[in-house]
Amino acid sequence: MSDGSGSCAEEHPHLLSLLAGVLTRGDVFLDVGANIGYFTVPIASLVGEEGQVIAFEPAVDSARALRMKARDLGLLPRISIHEMALGSEDHSRVLRGDPEHPEDSTKRSLVIDGPAVAEVRVRSFDGLVASGEVALPKGIQAVKIDVEGAEMDVLNGMRGSLHRHRPRMVVIETIQGHLRRAGSSVSDVHAFM
């Protein structure tokens, strides 16, 4: 779990290194809060043509940038990009920008009081699997969840899939202030895991 104390430039290489240590060709990686592909793109390269990255990004502009980057690098066939947020149940919510940094796409959240970016669909991962919208014939080998405070909602909505597939690694951003905005805490994440 990341405590959020490092900057993006410091955090991403470290987390990528950890994930690269447990993922191999043909594996499946789930990227929740994919943004423009900081993890999706390098992991898609790592897992190869036999592997798959399932990316969730609710912001249209970020998902578009991710799709273009993946296409330019020839990685799009191994990446499934879902333009929605994950949560514990199916509904829609307003995705908002950080009031202090409204232009920073990495700080958008469903549980912040800032300028509205868009109304977005929220689905539970277990529900997507049950409906067949997400297929997991090879299971899930690693997961990254970075959703600016709504991490417990995401975890609750994928409880069955995590139990069934037992990923080798689950990386969760755990910034106490962000979690508190959604009514949860770092200890809640630890207890869930």
Protein backbone atom coordinates (compact mmCIF):
# COMPACT_ATOMS: atom_id res chain seq x y z
CA MET A 1 0.00 0.00 0.00
CA SER A 2 1.21 3.47 -0.78
CA ASP A 3 0.93 6.02 1.99
CA GLY A 4 1.02 8.83 -0.53
CA SER A 5 4.04 10.50 1.04
CA GLY A 6 6.12 10.37 -2.15
CA SER A 7 5.64 12.41 -5.28
CA CYS A 8 4.35 10.82 -8.49
CA ALA A 9 7.87 10.88 -9.95
CA GLU A 10 9.20 8.94 -6.95
CA GLU A 11 6.19 6.68 -6.42
CA HIS A 12 5.58 5.36 -9.94
CA PRO A 13 9.03 3.80 -10.62
CA HIS A 14 9.03 2.15 -7.18
CA LEU A 15 5.54 0.70 -7.57
CA LEU A 16 6.25 -0.35 -11.16
CA SER A 17 9.33 -2.18 -9.94
CA LEU A 18 7.29 -4.00 -7.29
CA LEU A 19 4.64 -4.97 -9.84
CA ALA A 20 7.27 -6.06 -12.39
CA GLY A 21 8.66 -8.36 -9.72
CA VAL A 22 5.42 -10.35 -9.53
CA LEU A 23 4.07 -10.12 -13.10
CA THR A 24 5.25 -12.17 -16.06
CA ARG A 25 4.27 -12.67 -19.68
CA GLY A 26 0.67 -13.77 -20.05
CA ASP A 27 -0.49 -12.32 -16.73
CA VAL A 28 -3.55 -10.12 -16.11
CA PHE A 29 -3.20 -6.73 -14.39
CA LEU A 30 -6.14 -4.67 -13.15
CA ASP A 31 -5.52 -0.89 -13.08
CA VAL A 32 -8.26 0.96 -11.19
CA GLY A 33 -7.83 4.72 -11.63
CA ALA A 34 -5.68 4.32 -14.73
CA ASN A 35 -5.52 8.03 -15.60
CA ILE A 36 -3.35 8.39 -18.73
CA GLY A 37 -1.60 5.07 -18.25
CA TYR A 38 1.30 5.56 -15.82
CA PHE A 39 0.94 1.87 -14.90
CA THR A 40 -1.25 0.51 -17.70
CA VAL A 41 1.21 1.18 -20.53
CA PRO A 42 4.43 -0.22 -19.03
CA ILE A 43 2.62 -3.23 -17.56
CA ALA A 44 0.97 -3.94 -20.94
CA SER A 45 4.45 -4.09 -22.41
CA LEU A 46 5.62 -6.37 -19.61
CA VAL A 47 2.79 -8.93 -19.84
CA GLY A 48 3.23 -9.25 -23.60
CA GLU A 49 0.76 -10.21 -26.29
CA GLU A 50 -0.51 -13.15 -24.23
CA GLY A 51 -1.25 -10.90 -21.25
CA GLN A 52 -3.95 -8.36 -20.58
CA VAL A 53 -4.37 -5.07 -18.73
CA ILE A 54 -7.90 -4.17 -17.67
CA ALA A 55 -7.95 -0.42 -17.06
CA PHE A 56 -10.70 1.66 -15.46
CA GLU A 57 -10.69 5.43 -15.96
CA PRO A 58 -13.91 7.45 -15.66
CA ALA A 59 -12.61 10.77 -17.06
CA VAL A 60 -13.14 10.92 -20.81
CA ASP A 61 -10.08 13.09 -21.48
CA SER A 62 -7.73 10.84 -19.50
CA ALA A 63 -9.18 7.66 -21.04
CA ARG A 64 -8.76 9.21 -24.51
CA ALA A 65 -5.12 10.09 -23.78
CA LEU A 66 -4.51 6.55 -22.50
CA ARG A 67 -6.10 5.03 -25.59
CA MET A 68 -4.02 7.23 -27.92
CA LYS A 69 -0.77 6.45 -26.07
CA ALA A 70 -1.50 2.71 -26.15
CA ARG A 71 -2.38 2.86 -29.86
CA ASP A 72 0.79 4.81 -30.71
CA LEU A 73 2.91 2.20 -28.90
CA GLY A 74 1.09 -0.76 -30.49
CA LEU A 75 -0.20 -1.95 -27.09
CA LEU A 76 -3.93 -1.32 -27.51
CA PRO A 77 -4.80 -4.96 -28.41
CA ARG A 78 -3.74 -6.10 -24.93
CA ILE A 79 -5.44 -3.27 -23.00
CA SER A 80 -9.17 -3.13 -22.21
CA ILE A 81 -10.12 0.44 -21.29
CA HIS A 82 -13.40 0.87 -19.43
CA GLU A 83 -14.60 4.48 -19.17
CA MET A 84 -16.23 4.18 -15.77
CA ALA A 85 -15.41 4.29 -12.08
CA LEU A 86 -15.48 1.24 -9.86
CA GLY A 87 -17.37 1.18 -6.59
CA SER A 88 -19.40 -1.06 -4.32
CA GLU A 89 -22.64 -0.74 -6.29
CA ASP A 90 -23.96 0.45 -9.65
CA HIS A 91 -24.98 4.10 -9.93
CA SER A 92 -23.65 7.40 -11.26
CA ARG A 93 -21.68 10.10 -9.46
CA VAL A 94 -20.07 13.42 -10.20
CA LEU A 95 -16.32 13.23 -10.77
CA ARG A 96 -14.75 16.39 -9.37
CA GLY A 97 -11.45 18.17 -9.66
CA ASP A 98 -9.30 19.14 -6.70
CA PRO A 99 -10.28 22.72 -5.74
CA GLU A 100 -6.62 23.65 -5.26
CA HIS A 101 -5.42 21.93 -8.46
CA PRO A 102 -8.47 21.70 -10.77
CA GLU A 103 -6.34 21.09 -13.88
CA ASP A 104 -4.51 18.08 -12.36
CA SER A 105 -6.23 14.95 -13.70
CA THR A 106 -4.45 12.75 -11.11
CA LYS A 107 -6.35 14.44 -8.26
CA ARG A 108 -9.90 13.95 -9.55
CA SER A 109 -12.24 12.17 -7.17
CA LEU A 110 -15.79 11.04 -6.57
CA VAL A 111 -15.45 12.02 -2.90
CA ILE A 112 -14.13 15.57 -3.05
CA ASP A 113 -15.88 18.92 -3.06
CA GLY A 114 -14.44 20.61 -6.11
CA PRO A 115 -15.40 21.70 -9.62
CA ALA A 116 -17.50 19.16 -11.52
CA VAL A 117 -15.65 17.38 -14.32
CA ALA A 118 -18.39 14.98 -15.45
CA GLU A 119 -21.20 12.70 -14.36
CA VAL A 120 -19.73 9.19 -14.55
CA ARG A 121 -20.98 5.63 -14.34
CA VAL A 122 -19.94 3.65 -11.29
CA ARG A 123 -20.04 -0.15 -11.40
CA SER A 124 -18.96 -2.90 -9.06
CA PHE A 125 -16.18 -5.06 -10.46
CA ASP A 126 -17.90 -8.23 -9.25
CA GLY A 127 -21.05 -7.11 -11.09
CA LEU A 128 -19.08 -6.55 -14.32
CA VAL A 129 -17.61 -10.05 -14.02
CA ALA A 130 -21.01 -11.63 -13.22
CA SER A 131 -22.60 -9.92 -16.25
CA GLY A 132 -19.81 -11.05 -18.58
CA GLU A 133 -18.74 -7.47 -19.36
CA VAL A 134 -15.33 -8.35 -17.92
CA ALA A 135 -14.01 -11.86 -18.57
CA LEU A 136 -11.23 -13.34 -16.43
CA PRO A 137 -10.31 -16.69 -18.00
CA LYS A 138 -6.75 -16.30 -16.70
CA GLY A 139 -7.73 -14.74 -13.36
CA ILE A 140 -6.03 -11.60 -12.00
CA GLN A 141 -2.38 -11.65 -10.98
CA ALA A 142 -1.99 -8.05 -9.76
CA VAL A 143 -4.18 -5.03 -8.96
CA LYS A 144 -3.46 -1.32 -8.49
CA ILE A 145 -6.15 0.91 -6.93
CA ASP A 146 -5.65 4.67 -6.81
CA VAL A 147 -9.00 6.46 -6.72
CA GLU A 148 -8.37 9.44 -4.45
CA GLY A 149 -10.28 8.26 -1.40
CA ALA A 150 -12.86 5.80 -2.73
CA GLU A 151 -10.55 2.78 -2.36
CA MET A 152 -12.80 0.99 0.17
CA ASP A 153 -15.78 1.31 -2.18
CA VAL A 154 -13.71 -0.30 -4.94
CA LEU A 155 -12.50 -3.08 -2.64
CA ASN A 156 -16.02 -3.82 -1.41
CA GLY A 157 -17.21 -4.07 -5.02
CA MET A 158 -14.53 -6.59 -5.94
CA ARG A 159 -14.49 -8.71 -2.78
CA GLY A 160 -15.64 -11.86 -4.60
CA SER A 161 -13.13 -11.52 -7.44
CA LEU A 162 -10.24 -10.90 -5.06
CA HIS A 163 -11.23 -13.94 -3.00
CA ARG A 164 -11.70 -16.14 -6.07
CA HIS A 165 -8.53 -15.14 -7.97
CA ARG A 166 -6.13 -14.35 -5.10
CA PRO A 167 -3.86 -11.87 -6.94
CA ARG A 168 -0.15 -12.07 -6.11
CA MET A 169 -0.11 -8.34 -5.33
CA VAL A 170 -2.67 -5.65 -4.59
CA VAL A 171 -1.30 -2.08 -4.47
CA ILE A 172 -3.66 0.43 -2.83
CA GLU A 173 -3.11 4.13 -2.33
CA THR A 174 -3.87 4.81 1.33
CA ILE A 175 -3.81 8.50 2.09
CA GLN A 176 -5.66 8.98 5.38
CA GLY A 177 -7.10 12.39 4.43
CA HIS A 178 -8.44 11.06 1.12
CA LEU A 179 -9.96 7.97 2.72
CA ARG A 180 -11.57 10.10 5.44
CA ARG A 181 -13.43 12.08 2.74
CA ALA A 182 -15.23 8.84 1.85
CA GLY A 183 -15.87 7.83 5.45
CA SER A 184 -13.15 5.20 5.68
CA SER A 185 -9.60 4.91 6.96
CA VAL A 186 -6.26 3.20 6.48
CA SER A 187 -7.22 0.74 9.23
CA ASP A 188 -10.39 -0.13 7.26
CA VAL A 189 -8.23 -1.01 4.23
CA HIS A 190 -5.89 -3.10 6.39
CA ALA A 191 -8.84 -4.93 7.97
CA PHE A 192 -10.34 -5.66 4.54
CA MET A 193 -7.09 -7.09 3.23
